[in-house]
Structure formats: C-alpha cells, structure tokens
Amino acid sequence: MAMSILHRVTGSALYFGVLLFAIWIAAAASSRETFDFVNGLFGSILGRLVLFGLTWALINHMLGGIRHLIWDTIHGLEKDQSRRMSIISAVAAVVLTVVVWVVAYAVRGSF
C-alpha cells in the first residue's frame, strides 16, 4: 500500500522536475548570464539535493511502473510476493540513484 502511494507521490514530484528542466532550457535559450545563474543554483548543495531527489523519484517511479506491468501479467499478486517486489524496488531505487550519481560525477570529474 505504501509503495502505491509513493508511486503516485513520485509521479507528482516529476512534474516539478519537468518544470525545473523547462527553466534550465529557457535559461540556456535566453543568455549566458541567465544560464550560468541557473546552473549555479542547480550546482549548489540545495540544488544538488533537489536533483538527487528527482533522480530517485524518476527511478522509483520507473521501477514502480515495471512492478505494475508485472502485475498486469497476473504475476506477483500474492501478498508475500507483492511485499518482496516492493522491498526489491525500494532498495533498487536507492542503489540505482547512487550509481547514476557516482557515474555522473566520475564522467564529470569532480564532486
């Protein structure tokens, strides 16, 4: 039940992420100074925490969607299987989020 609610919450949070992406694109289209300002905001500690949370929301929502697709095939509907899938998707979301950020920092070359 909690994962179902969390799936809805992360879906709603992704709307906020799309808004931030639109702001970033608009800043890139407007001027170098505006783009640098927005990049500075996104590069701050608070900005990175927000982006980290949005990354987790995206991955968690994606894994929740995959879980629902599996349920559509009438697999994993038993209570113990459903609970196990929920735990696996929650842990996988955290692990994959950390992996994405570690790879991003490794490619970028700095923290």
PDB file of N, CA and C in Angstrom:
ATOM      1  N   MET A   1       0.820  -1.196   0.000  1.00  0.00           N
ATOM      2  CA  MET A   1       0.000   0.000   0.000  1.00  0.00           C
ATOM      3  C   MET A   1       0.864   1.260   0.000  1.00  0.00           C
ATOM      4  N   ALA A   2       1.911   1.248   0.823  1.00  0.00           N
ATOM      5  CA  ALA A   2       2.775   2.426   0.900  1.00  0.00           C
ATOM      6  C   ALA A   2       3.490   2.674  -0.420  1.00  0.00           C
ATOM      7  N   MET A   3       3.892   1.609  -1.098  1.00  0.00           N
ATOM      8  CA  MET A   3       4.587   1.778  -2.379  1.00  0.00           C
ATOM      9  C   MET A   3       3.648   2.325  -3.444  1.00  0.00           C
ATOM     10  N   SER A   4       2.388   1.968  -3.376  1.00  0.00           N
ATOM     11  CA  SER A   4       1.414   2.501  -4.327  1.00  0.00           C
ATOM     12  C   SER A   4       1.247   4.008  -4.129  1.00  0.00           C
ATOM     13  N   ILE A   5       1.166   4.417  -2.882  1.00  0.00           N
ATOM     14  CA  ILE A   5       1.059   5.847  -2.577  1.00  0.00           C
ATOM     15  C   ILE A   5       2.340   6.566  -2.988  1.00  0.00           C
ATOM     16  N   LEU A   6       3.487   5.943  -2.694  1.00  0.00           N
ATOM     17  CA  LEU A   6       4.770   6.536  -3.063  1.00  0.00           C
ATOM     18  C   LEU A   6       4.904   6.663  -4.577  1.00  0.00           C
ATOM     19  N   HIS A   7       4.349   5.706  -5.314  1.00  0.00           N
ATOM     20  CA  HIS A   7       4.367   5.765  -6.778  1.00  0.00           C
ATOM     21  C   HIS A   7       3.612   7.008  -7.258  1.00  0.00           C
ATOM     22  N   ARG A   8       2.490   7.290  -6.641  1.00  0.00           N
ATOM     23  CA  ARG A   8       1.717   8.481  -7.011  1.00  0.00           C
ATOM     24  C   ARG A   8       2.453   9.765  -6.629  1.00  0.00           C
ATOM     25  N   VAL A   9       3.063   9.766  -5.455  1.00  0.00           N
ATOM     26  CA  VAL A   9       3.793  10.946  -4.988  1.00  0.00           C
ATOM     27  C   VAL A   9       4.988  11.230  -5.896  1.00  0.00           C
ATOM     28  N   THR A  10       5.730  10.182  -6.263  1.00  0.00           N
ATOM     29  CA  THR A  10       6.886  10.403  -7.133  1.00  0.00           C
ATOM     30  C   THR A  10       6.446  10.863  -8.518  1.00  0.00           C
ATOM     31  N   GLY A  11       5.320  10.358  -8.990  1.00  0.00           N
ATOM     32  CA  GLY A  11       4.791  10.834 -10.270  1.00  0.00           C
ATOM     33  C   GLY A  11       4.465  12.309 -10.217  1.00  0.00           C
ATOM     34  N   SER A  12       3.893  12.747  -9.115  1.00  0.00           N
ATOM     35  CA  SER A  12       3.594  14.176  -8.947  1.00  0.00           C
ATOM     36  C   SER A  12       4.870  15.001  -8.835  1.00  0.00           C
ATOM     37  N   ALA A  13       5.870  14.474  -8.143  1.00  0.00           N
ATOM     38  CA  ALA A  13       7.142  15.190  -7.995  1.00  0.00           C
ATOM     39  C   ALA A  13       7.842  15.360  -9.336  1.00  0.00           C
ATOM     40  N   LEU A  14       7.619  14.424 -10.237  1.00  0.00           N
ATOM     41  CA  LEU A  14       8.261  14.521 -11.549  1.00  0.00           C
ATOM     42  C   LEU A  14       7.729  15.699 -12.356  1.00  0.00           C
ATOM     43  N   TYR A  15       6.504  16.135 -12.080  1.00  0.00           N
ATOM     44  CA  TYR A  15       6.004  17.358 -12.716  1.00  0.00           C
ATOM     45  C   TYR A  15       6.865  18.553 -12.316  1.00  0.00           C
ATOM     46  N   PHE A  16       7.258  18.603 -11.056  1.00  0.00           N
ATOM     47  CA  PHE A  16       8.157  19.645 -10.570  1.00  0.00           C
ATOM     48  C   PHE A  16       9.504  19.549 -11.290  1.00  0.00           C
ATOM     49  N   GLY A  17       9.982  18.331 -11.510  1.00  0.00           N
ATOM     50  CA  GLY A  17      11.240  18.127 -12.230  1.00  0.00           C
ATOM     51  C   GLY A  17      11.170  18.616 -13.661  1.00  0.00           C
ATOM     52  N   VAL A  18      10.042  18.390 -14.314  1.00  0.00           N
ATOM     53  CA  VAL A  18       9.868  18.879 -15.686  1.00  0.00           C
ATOM     54  C   VAL A  18       9.880  20.408 -15.698  1.00  0.00           C
ATOM     55  N   LEU A  19       9.288  21.026 -14.694  1.00  0.00           N
ATOM     56  CA  LEU A  19       9.314  22.488 -14.588  1.00  0.00           C
ATOM     57  C   LEU A  19      10.752  22.993 -14.440  1.00  0.00           C
ATOM     58  N   LEU A  20      11.539  22.331 -13.599  1.00  0.00           N
ATOM     59  CA  LEU A  20      12.942  22.727 -13.447  1.00  0.00           C
ATOM     60  C   LEU A  20      13.713  22.548 -14.751  1.00  0.00           C
ATOM     61  N   PHE A  21      13.424  21.472 -15.465  1.00  0.00           N
ATOM     62  CA  PHE A  21      14.074  21.246 -16.757  1.00  0.00           C
ATOM     63  C   PHE A  21      13.699  22.346 -17.749  1.00  0.00           C
ATOM     64  N   ALA A  22      12.432  22.743 -17.748  1.00  0.00           N
ATOM     65  CA  ALA A  22      11.981  23.819 -18.641  1.00  0.00           C
ATOM     66  C   ALA A  22      12.663  25.136 -18.289  1.00  0.00           C
ATOM     67  N   ILE A  23      12.837  25.405 -17.001  1.00  0.00           N
ATOM     68  CA  ILE A  23      13.546  26.617 -16.575  1.00  0.00           C
ATOM     69  C   ILE A  23      14.984  26.580 -17.064  1.00  0.00           C
ATOM     70  N   TRP A  24      15.622  25.421 -16.961  1.00  0.00           N
ATOM     71  CA  TRP A  24      17.009  25.270 -17.405  1.00  0.00           C
ATOM     72  C   TRP A  24      17.127  25.503 -18.910  1.00  0.00           C
ATOM     73  N   ILE A  25      16.202  24.924 -19.681  1.00  0.00           N
ATOM     74  CA  ILE A  25      16.209  25.102 -21.137  1.00  0.00           C
ATOM     75  C   ILE A  25      15.947  26.572 -21.500  1.00  0.00           C
ATOM     76  N   ALA A  26      14.992  27.200 -20.821  1.00  0.00           N
ATOM     77  CA  ALA A  26      14.694  28.612 -21.091  1.00  0.00           C
ATOM     78  C   ALA A  26      15.895  29.486 -20.757  1.00  0.00           C
ATOM     79  N   ALA A  27      16.596  29.157 -19.677  1.00  0.00           N
ATOM     80  CA  ALA A  27      17.788  29.925 -19.313  1.00  0.00           C
ATOM     81  C   ALA A  27      18.875  29.759 -20.366  1.00  0.00           C
ATOM     82  N   ALA A  28      19.010  28.552 -20.892  1.00  0.00           N
ATOM     83  CA  ALA A  28      20.012  28.314 -21.938  1.00  0.00           C
ATOM     84  C   ALA A  28      19.676  29.092 -23.203  1.00  0.00           C
ATOM     85  N   ALA A  29      18.398  29.253 -23.468  1.00  0.00           N
ATOM     86  CA  ALA A  29      17.973  29.960 -24.679  1.00  0.00           C
ATOM     87  C   ALA A  29      18.028  31.476 -24.523  1.00  0.00           C
ATOM     88  N   SER A  30      18.023  31.968 -23.282  1.00  0.00           N
ATOM     89  CA  SER A  30      17.937  33.417 -23.093  1.00  0.00           C
ATOM     90  C   SER A  30      19.299  34.099 -23.166  1.00  0.00           C
ATOM     91  N   SER A  31      20.191  33.788 -22.244  1.00  0.00           N
ATOM     92  CA  SER A  31      21.512  34.434 -22.264  1.00  0.00           C
ATOM     93  C   SER A  31      22.502  33.592 -21.469  1.00  0.00           C
ATOM     94  N   ARG A  32      23.763  33.864 -21.700  1.00  0.00           N
ATOM     95  CA  ARG A  32      24.820  33.137 -20.994  1.00  0.00           C
ATOM     96  C   ARG A  32      24.766  33.430 -19.494  1.00  0.00           C
ATOM     97  N   GLU A  33      24.483  34.678 -19.139  1.00  0.00           N
ATOM     98  CA  GLU A  33      24.437  35.056 -17.725  1.00  0.00           C
ATOM     99  C   GLU A  33      23.301  34.337 -16.998  1.00  0.00           C
ATOM    100  N   THR A  34      22.135  34.279 -17.635  1.00  0.00           N
ATOM    101  CA  THR A  34      20.992  33.592 -17.029  1.00  0.00           C
ATOM    102  C   THR A  34      21.274  32.106 -16.897  1.00  0.00           C
ATOM    103  N   PHE A  35      21.875  31.532 -17.932  1.00  0.00           N
ATOM    104  CA  PHE A  35      22.208  30.113 -17.896  1.00  0.00           C
ATOM    105  C   PHE A  35      23.216  29.822 -16.784  1.00  0.00           C
ATOM    106  N   ASP A  36      24.234  30.660 -16.649  1.00  0.00           N
ATOM    107  CA  ASP A  36      25.215  30.483 -15.580  1.00  0.00           C
ATOM    108  C   ASP A  36      24.564  30.615 -14.207  1.00  0.00           C
ATOM    109  N   PHE A  37      23.622  31.547 -14.078  1.00  0.00           N
ATOM    110  CA  PHE A  37      22.916  31.723 -12.809  1.00  0.00           C
ATOM    111  C   PHE A  37      22.118  30.471 -12.442  1.00  0.00           C
ATOM    112  N   VAL A  38      21.357  29.946 -13.408  1.00  0.00           N
ATOM    113  CA  VAL A  38      20.544  28.751 -13.151  1.00  0.00           C
ATOM    114  C   VAL A  38      21.445  27.551 -12.878  1.00  0.00           C
ATOM    115  N   ASN A  39      22.527  27.417 -13.632  1.00  0.00           N
ATOM    116  CA  ASN A  39      23.471  26.331 -13.369  1.00  0.00           C
ATOM    117  C   ASN A  39      24.076  26.464 -11.978  1.00  0.00           C
ATOM    118  N   GLY A  40      24.326  27.691 -11.550  1.00  0.00           N
ATOM    119  CA  GLY A  40      24.826  27.914 -10.197  1.00  0.00           C
ATOM    120  C   GLY A  40      23.831  27.463  -9.144  1.00  0.00           C
ATOM    121  N   LEU A  41      22.550  27.745  -9.388  1.00  0.00           N
ATOM    122  CA  LEU A  41      21.515  27.286  -8.454  1.00  0.00           C
ATOM    123  C   LEU A  41      21.452  25.763  -8.413  1.00  0.00           C
ATOM    124  N   PHE A  42      21.459  25.147  -9.596  1.00  0.00           N
ATOM    125  CA  PHE A  42      21.385  23.687  -9.652  1.00  0.00           C
ATOM    126  C   PHE A  42      22.657  23.041  -9.112  1.00  0.00           C
ATOM    127  N   GLY A  43      23.781  23.755  -9.188  1.00  0.00           N
ATOM    128  CA  GLY A  43      25.044  23.219  -8.703  1.00  0.00           C
ATOM    129  C   GLY A  43      25.283  23.436  -7.222  1.00  0.00           C
ATOM    130  N   SER A  44      24.423  24.220  -6.570  1.00  0.00           N
ATOM    131  CA  SER A  44      24.569  24.434  -5.127  1.00  0.00           C
ATOM    132  C   SER A  44      24.204  23.155  -4.375  1.00  0.00           C
ATOM    133  N   ILE A  45      24.508  23.132  -3.108  1.00  0.00           N
ATOM    134  CA  ILE A  45      24.202  21.940  -2.309  1.00  0.00           C
ATOM    135  C   ILE A  45      22.700  21.670  -2.307  1.00  0.00           C
ATOM    136  N   LEU A  46      21.905  22.714  -2.110  1.00  0.00           N
ATOM    137  CA  LEU A  46      20.450  22.538  -2.127  1.00  0.00           C
ATOM    138  C   LEU A  46      19.974  22.080  -3.505  1.00  0.00           C
ATOM    139  N   GLY A  47      20.531  22.684  -4.550  1.00  0.00           N
ATOM    140  CA  GLY A  47      20.162  22.292  -5.907  1.00  0.00           C
ATOM    141  C   GLY A  47      20.505  20.846  -6.202  1.00  0.00           C
ATOM    142  N   ARG A  48      21.674  20.419  -5.755  1.00  0.00           N
ATOM    143  CA  ARG A  48      22.075  19.025  -5.970  1.00  0.00           C
ATOM    144  C   ARG A  48      21.200  18.068  -5.174  1.00  0.00           C
ATOM    145  N   LEU A  49      20.812  18.470  -3.974  1.00  0.00           N
ATOM    146  CA  LEU A  49      19.901  17.621  -3.193  1.00  0.00           C
ATOM    147  C   LEU A  49      18.553  17.477  -3.895  1.00  0.00           C
ATOM    148  N   VAL A  50      18.060  18.575  -4.451  1.00  0.00           N
ATOM    149  CA  VAL A  50      16.794  18.523  -5.195  1.00  0.00           C
ATOM    150  C   VAL A  50      16.947  17.624  -6.414  1.00  0.00           C
ATOM    151  N   LEU A  51      18.039  17.784  -7.152  1.00  0.00           N
ATOM    152  CA  LEU A  51      18.266  16.946  -8.333  1.00  0.00           C
ATOM    153  C   LEU A  51      18.461  15.482  -7.955  1.00  0.00           C
ATOM    154  N   PHE A  52      19.130  15.228  -6.827  1.00  0.00           N
ATOM    155  CA  PHE A  52      19.281  13.854  -6.344  1.00  0.00           C
ATOM    156  C   PHE A  52      17.910  13.264  -6.023  1.00  0.00           C
ATOM    157  N   GLY A  53      17.074  14.047  -5.337  1.00  0.00           N
ATOM    158  CA  GLY A  53      15.722  13.585  -5.015  1.00  0.00           C
ATOM    159  C   GLY A  53      14.888  13.338  -6.256  1.00  0.00           C
ATOM    160  N   LEU A  54      15.035  14.198  -7.256  1.00  0.00           N
ATOM    161  CA  LEU A  54      14.298  13.996  -8.503  1.00  0.00           C
ATOM    162  C   LEU A  54      14.803  12.768  -9.253  1.00  0.00           C
ATOM    163  N   THR A  55      16.108  12.513  -9.176  1.00  0.00           N
ATOM    164  CA  THR A  55      16.648  11.297  -9.788  1.00  0.00           C
ATOM    165  C   THR A  55      16.056  10.070  -9.115  1.00  0.00           C
ATOM    166  N   TRP A  56      16.019  10.101  -7.775  1.00  0.00           N
ATOM    167  CA  TRP A  56      15.421   8.983  -7.048  1.00  0.00           C
ATOM    168  C   TRP A  56      13.940   8.841  -7.403  1.00  0.00           C
ATOM    169  N   ALA A  57      13.223   9.953  -7.486  1.00  0.00           N
ATOM    170  CA  ALA A  57      11.793   9.902  -7.818  1.00  0.00           C
ATOM    171  C   ALA A  57      11.580   9.290  -9.194  1.00  0.00           C
ATOM    172  N   LEU A  58      12.414   9.674 -10.155  1.00  0.00           N
ATOM    173  CA  LEU A  58      12.290   9.127 -11.508  1.00  0.00           C
ATOM    174  C   LEU A  58      12.553   7.624 -11.519  1.00  0.00           C
ATOM    175  N   ILE A  59      13.625   7.203 -10.865  1.00  0.00           N
ATOM    176  CA  ILE A  59      13.959   5.776 -10.854  1.00  0.00           C
ATOM    177  C   ILE A  59      12.924   4.990 -10.068  1.00  0.00           C
ATOM    178  N   ASN A  60      12.502   5.510  -8.923  1.00  0.00           N
ATOM    179  CA  ASN A  60      11.492   4.816  -8.122  1.00  0.00           C
ATOM    180  C   ASN A  60      10.176   4.696  -8.887  1.00  0.00           C
ATOM    181  N   HIS A  61       9.785   5.764  -9.569  1.00  0.00           N
ATOM    182  CA  HIS A  61       8.545   5.749 -10.342  1.00  0.00           C
ATOM    183  C   HIS A  61       8.647   4.756 -11.502  1.00  0.00           C
ATOM    184  N   MET A  62       9.810   4.716 -12.143  1.00  0.00           N
ATOM    185  CA  MET A  62      10.016   3.773 -13.237  1.00  0.00           C
ATOM    186  C   MET A  62       9.927   2.331 -12.736  1.00  0.00           C
ATOM    187  N   LEU A  63      10.583   2.037 -11.615  1.00  0.00           N
ATOM    188  CA  LEU A  63      10.538   0.680 -11.072  1.00  0.00           C
ATOM    189  C   LEU A  63       9.131   0.324 -10.599  1.00  0.00           C
ATOM    190  N   GLY A  64       8.411   1.292 -10.053  1.00  0.00           N
ATOM    191  CA  GLY A  64       7.017   1.055  -9.682  1.00  0.00           C
ATOM    192  C   GLY A  64       6.163   0.747 -10.896  1.00  0.00           C
ATOM    193  N   GLY A  65       6.437   1.431 -11.994  1.00  0.00           N
ATOM    194  CA  GLY A  65       5.718   1.153 -13.235  1.00  0.00           C
ATOM    195  C   GLY A  65       6.011  -0.241 -13.755  1.00  0.00           C
ATOM    196  N   ILE A  66       7.270  -0.660 -13.655  1.00  0.00           N
ATOM    197  CA  ILE A  66       7.628  -2.024 -14.066  1.00  0.00           C
ATOM    198  C   ILE A  66       6.919  -3.039 -13.180  1.00  0.00           C
ATOM    199  N   ARG A  67       6.863  -2.743 -11.882  1.00  0.00           N
ATOM    200  CA  ARG A  67       6.157  -3.635 -10.953  1.00  0.00           C
ATOM    201  C   ARG A  67       4.686  -3.752 -11.341  1.00  0.00           C
ATOM    202  N   HIS A  68       4.067  -2.645 -11.716  1.00  0.00           N
ATOM    203  CA  HIS A  68       2.666  -2.680 -12.147  1.00  0.00           C
ATOM    204  C   HIS A  68       2.509  -3.446 -13.452  1.00  0.00           C
ATOM    205  N   LEU A  69       3.477  -3.331 -14.356  1.00  0.00           N
ATOM    206  CA  LEU A  69       3.423  -4.107 -15.595  1.00  0.00           C
ATOM    207  C   LEU A  69       3.508  -5.604 -15.311  1.00  0.00           C
ATOM    208  N   ILE A  70       4.327  -5.975 -14.347  1.00  0.00           N
ATOM    209  CA  ILE A  70       4.413  -7.391 -13.955  1.00  0.00           C
ATOM    210  C   ILE A  70       3.085  -7.843 -13.372  1.00  0.00           C
ATOM    211  N   TRP A  71       2.467  -6.994 -12.562  1.00  0.00           N
ATOM    212  CA  TRP A  71       1.158  -7.352 -12.006  1.00  0.00           C
ATOM    213  C   TRP A  71       0.114  -7.504 -13.105  1.00  0.00           C
ATOM    214  N   ASP A  72       0.238  -6.734 -14.182  1.00  0.00           N
ATOM    215  CA  ASP A  72      -0.713  -6.844 -15.294  1.00  0.00           C
ATOM    216  C   ASP A  72      -0.658  -8.211 -15.959  1.00  0.00           C
ATOM    217  N   THR A  73       0.466  -8.909 -15.792  1.00  0.00           N
ATOM    218  CA  THR A  73       0.581 -10.264 -16.340  1.00  0.00           C
ATOM    219  C   THR A  73       0.101 -11.312 -15.336  1.00  0.00           C
ATOM    220  N   ILE A  74      -0.507 -10.861 -14.260  1.00  0.00           N
ATOM    221  CA  ILE A  74      -1.043 -11.695 -13.181  1.00  0.00           C
ATOM    222  C   ILE A  74       0.065 -12.503 -12.504  1.00  0.00           C
ATOM    223  N   HIS A  75       1.217 -11.869 -12.321  1.00  0.00           N
ATOM    224  CA  HIS A  75       2.319 -12.457 -11.565  1.00  0.00           C
ATOM    225  C   HIS A  75       2.617 -11.552 -10.375  1.00  0.00           C
ATOM    226  N   GLY A  76       2.990 -12.151  -9.262  1.00  0.00           N
ATOM    227  CA  GLY A  76       3.386 -11.394  -8.094  1.00  0.00           C
ATOM    228  C   GLY A  76       2.253 -10.735  -7.339  1.00  0.00           C
ATOM    229  N   LEU A  77       1.041 -11.230  -7.510  1.00  0.00           N
ATOM    230  CA  LEU A  77      -0.101 -10.613  -6.837  1.00  0.00           C
ATOM    231  C   LEU A  77      -0.327 -11.144  -5.420  1.00  0.00           C
ATOM    232  N   GLU A  78       0.308 -12.268  -5.092  1.00  0.00           N
ATOM    233  CA  GLU A  78       0.161 -12.788  -3.734  1.00  0.00           C
ATOM    234  C   GLU A  78       0.834 -11.824  -2.760  1.00  0.00           C
ATOM    235  N   LYS A  79       0.332 -11.809  -1.527  1.00  0.00           N
ATOM    236  CA  LYS A  79       0.778 -10.806  -0.560  1.00  0.00           C
ATOM    237  C   LYS A  79       2.287 -10.873  -0.309  1.00  0.00           C
ATOM    238  N   ASP A  80       2.842 -12.067  -0.119  1.00  0.00           N
ATOM    239  CA  ASP A  80       4.279 -12.167   0.160  1.00  0.00           C
ATOM    240  C   ASP A  80       5.113 -11.784  -1.060  1.00  0.00           C
ATOM    241  N   GLN A  81       4.665 -12.160  -2.246  1.00  0.00           N
ATOM    242  CA  GLN A  81       5.383 -11.779  -3.467  1.00  0.00           C
ATOM    243  C   GLN A  81       5.294 -10.271  -3.701  1.00  0.00           C
ATOM    244  N   SER A  82       4.142  -9.714  -3.445  1.00  0.00           N
ATOM    245  CA  SER A  82       3.960  -8.274  -3.609  1.00  0.00           C
ATOM    246  C   SER A  82       4.859  -7.498  -2.651  1.00  0.00           C
ATOM    247  N   ARG A  83       4.932  -7.950  -1.410  1.00  0.00           N
ATOM    248  CA  ARG A  83       5.785  -7.292  -0.416  1.00  0.00           C
ATOM    249  C   ARG A  83       7.257  -7.403  -0.823  1.00  0.00           C
ATOM    250  N   ARG A  84       7.654  -8.576  -1.295  1.00  0.00           N
ATOM    251  CA  ARG A  84       9.041  -8.778  -1.724  1.00  0.00           C
ATOM    252  C   ARG A  84       9.386  -7.868  -2.911  1.00  0.00           C
ATOM    253  N   MET A  85       8.475  -7.778  -3.871  1.00  0.00           N
ATOM    254  CA  MET A  85       8.707  -6.897  -5.024  1.00  0.00           C
ATOM    255  C   MET A  85       8.805  -5.436  -4.586  1.00  0.00           C
ATOM    256  N   SER A  86       8.010  -5.050  -3.605  1.00  0.00           N
ATOM    257  CA  SER A  86       8.058  -3.673  -3.098  1.00  0.00           C
ATOM    258  C   SER A  86       9.400  -3.380  -2.446  1.00  0.00           C
ATOM    259  N   ILE A  87       9.879  -4.316  -1.645  1.00  0.00           N
ATOM    260  CA  ILE A  87      11.174  -4.131  -0.980  1.00  0.00           C
ATOM    261  C   ILE A  87      12.296  -4.084  -2.009  1.00  0.00           C
ATOM    262  N   ILE A  88      12.243  -4.991  -2.979  1.00  0.00           N
ATOM    263  CA  ILE A  88      13.275  -5.014  -4.022  1.00  0.00           C
ATOM    264  C   ILE A  88      13.275  -3.710  -4.806  1.00  0.00           C
ATOM    265  N   SER A  89      12.098  -3.221  -5.176  1.00  0.00           N
ATOM    266  CA  SER A  89      12.057  -1.982  -5.962  1.00  0.00           C
ATOM    267  C   SER A  89      12.512  -0.779  -5.137  1.00  0.00           C
ATOM    268  N   ALA A  90      12.206  -0.760  -3.847  1.00  0.00           N
ATOM    269  CA  ALA A  90      12.640   0.355  -2.996  1.00  0.00           C
ATOM    270  C   ALA A  90      14.160   0.367  -2.846  1.00  0.00           C
ATOM    271  N   VAL A  91      14.732  -0.800  -2.580  1.00  0.00           N
ATOM    272  CA  VAL A  91      16.190  -0.891  -2.439  1.00  0.00           C
ATOM    273  C   VAL A  91      16.868  -0.595  -3.776  1.00  0.00           C
ATOM    274  N   ALA A  92      16.325  -1.150  -4.854  1.00  0.00           N
ATOM    275  CA  ALA A  92      16.910  -0.929  -6.178  1.00  0.00           C
ATOM    276  C   ALA A  92      16.868   0.545  -6.563  1.00  0.00           C
ATOM    277  N   ALA A  93      15.817   1.245  -6.178  1.00  0.00           N
ATOM    278  CA  ALA A  93      15.720   2.676  -6.498  1.00  0.00           C
ATOM    279  C   ALA A  93      16.844   3.455  -5.826  1.00  0.00           C
ATOM    280  N   VAL A  94      17.115   3.151  -4.577  1.00  0.00           N
ATOM    281  CA  VAL A  94      18.194   3.843  -3.863  1.00  0.00           C
ATOM    282  C   VAL A  94      19.546   3.491  -4.482  1.00  0.00           C
ATOM    283  N   VAL A  95      19.769   2.201  -4.721  1.00  0.00           N
ATOM    284  CA  VAL A  95      21.051   1.763  -5.283  1.00  0.00           C
ATOM    285  C   VAL A  95      21.271   2.370  -6.669  1.00  0.00           C
ATOM    286  N   LEU A  96      20.262   2.309  -7.523  1.00  0.00           N
ATOM    287  CA  LEU A  96      20.407   2.853  -8.877  1.00  0.00           C
ATOM    288  C   LEU A  96      20.601   4.365  -8.870  1.00  0.00           C
ATOM    289  N   THR A  97      19.956   5.055  -7.944  1.00  0.00           N
ATOM    290  CA  THR A  97      20.152   6.504  -7.837  1.00  0.00           C
ATOM    291  C   THR A  97      21.598   6.818  -7.480  1.00  0.00           C
ATOM    292  N   VAL A  98      22.135   6.101  -6.512  1.00  0.00           N
ATOM    293  CA  VAL A  98      23.533   6.311  -6.128  1.00  0.00           C
ATOM    294  C   VAL A  98      24.457   5.974  -7.299  1.00  0.00           C
ATOM    295  N   VAL A  99      24.177   4.890  -8.007  1.00  0.00           N
ATOM    296  CA  VAL A  99      25.001   4.510  -9.161  1.00  0.00           C
ATOM    297  C   VAL A  99      24.969   5.603 -10.228  1.00  0.00           C
ATOM    298  N   VAL A 100      23.790   6.125 -10.519  1.00  0.00           N
ATOM    299  CA  VAL A 100      23.677   7.193 -11.525  1.00  0.00           C
ATOM    300  C   VAL A 100      24.520   8.398 -11.124  1.00  0.00           C
ATOM    301  N   TRP A 101      24.455   8.794  -9.866  1.00  0.00           N
ATOM    302  CA  TRP A 101      25.207   9.970  -9.431  1.00  0.00           C
ATOM    303  C   TRP A 101      26.705   9.698  -9.363  1.00  0.00           C
ATOM    304  N   VAL A 102      27.105   8.511  -8.961  1.00  0.00           N
ATOM    305  CA  VAL A 102      28.536   8.179  -8.942  1.00  0.00           C
ATOM    306  C   VAL A 102      29.087   8.187 -10.362  1.00  0.00           C
ATOM    307  N   VAL A 103      28.363   7.586 -11.292  1.00  0.00           N
ATOM    308  CA  VAL A 103      28.802   7.581 -12.694  1.00  0.00           C
ATOM    309  C   VAL A 103      28.837   9.005 -13.244  1.00  0.00           C
ATOM    310  N   ALA A 104      27.828   9.802 -12.924  1.00  0.00           N
ATOM    311  CA  ALA A 104      27.800  11.186 -13.408  1.00  0.00           C
ATOM    312  C   ALA A 104      28.999  11.969 -12.889  1.00  0.00           C
ATOM    313  N   TYR A 105      29.326  11.808 -11.616  1.00  0.00           N
ATOM    314  CA  TYR A 105      30.480  12.508 -11.071  1.00  0.00           C
ATOM    315  C   TYR A 105      31.785  11.948 -11.621  1.00  0.00           C
ATOM    316  N   ALA A 106      31.838  10.648 -11.885  1.00  0.00           N
ATOM    317  CA  ALA A 106      33.045  10.055 -12.466  1.00  0.00           C
ATOM    318  C   ALA A 106      33.276  10.587 -13.876  1.00  0.00           C
ATOM    319  N   VAL A 107      32.211  10.731 -14.643  1.00  0.00           N
ATOM    320  CA  VAL A 107      32.327  11.252 -16.005  1.00  0.00           C
ATOM    321  C   VAL A 107      32.667  12.738 -15.975  1.00  0.00           C
ATOM    322  N   ARG A 108      32.024  13.443 -15.060  1.00  0.00           N
ATOM    323  CA  ARG A 108      32.243  14.895 -14.958  1.00  0.00           C
ATOM    324  C   ARG A 108      33.627  15.201 -14.405  1.00  0.00           C
ATOM    325  N   GLY A 109      34.106  14.349 -13.502  1.00  0.00           N
ATOM    326  CA  GLY A 109      35.457  14.505 -12.989  1.00  0.00           C
ATOM    327  C   GLY A 109      35.590  15.281 -11.700  1.00  0.00           C
ATOM    328  N   SER A 110      34.474  15.640 -11.044  1.00  0.00           N
ATOM    329  CA  SER A 110      34.582  16.371  -9.782  1.00  0.00           C
ATOM    330  C   SER A 110      33.315  16.189  -8.960  1.00  0.00           C
ATOM    331  N   PHE A 111      33.440  16.505  -7.694  1.00  0.00           N
ATOM    332  CA  PHE A 111      32.280  16.492  -6.814  1.00  0.00           C
ATOM    333  C   PHE A 111      31.904  17.918  -6.582  1.00  0.00           C
TER     334      PHE A 111
END
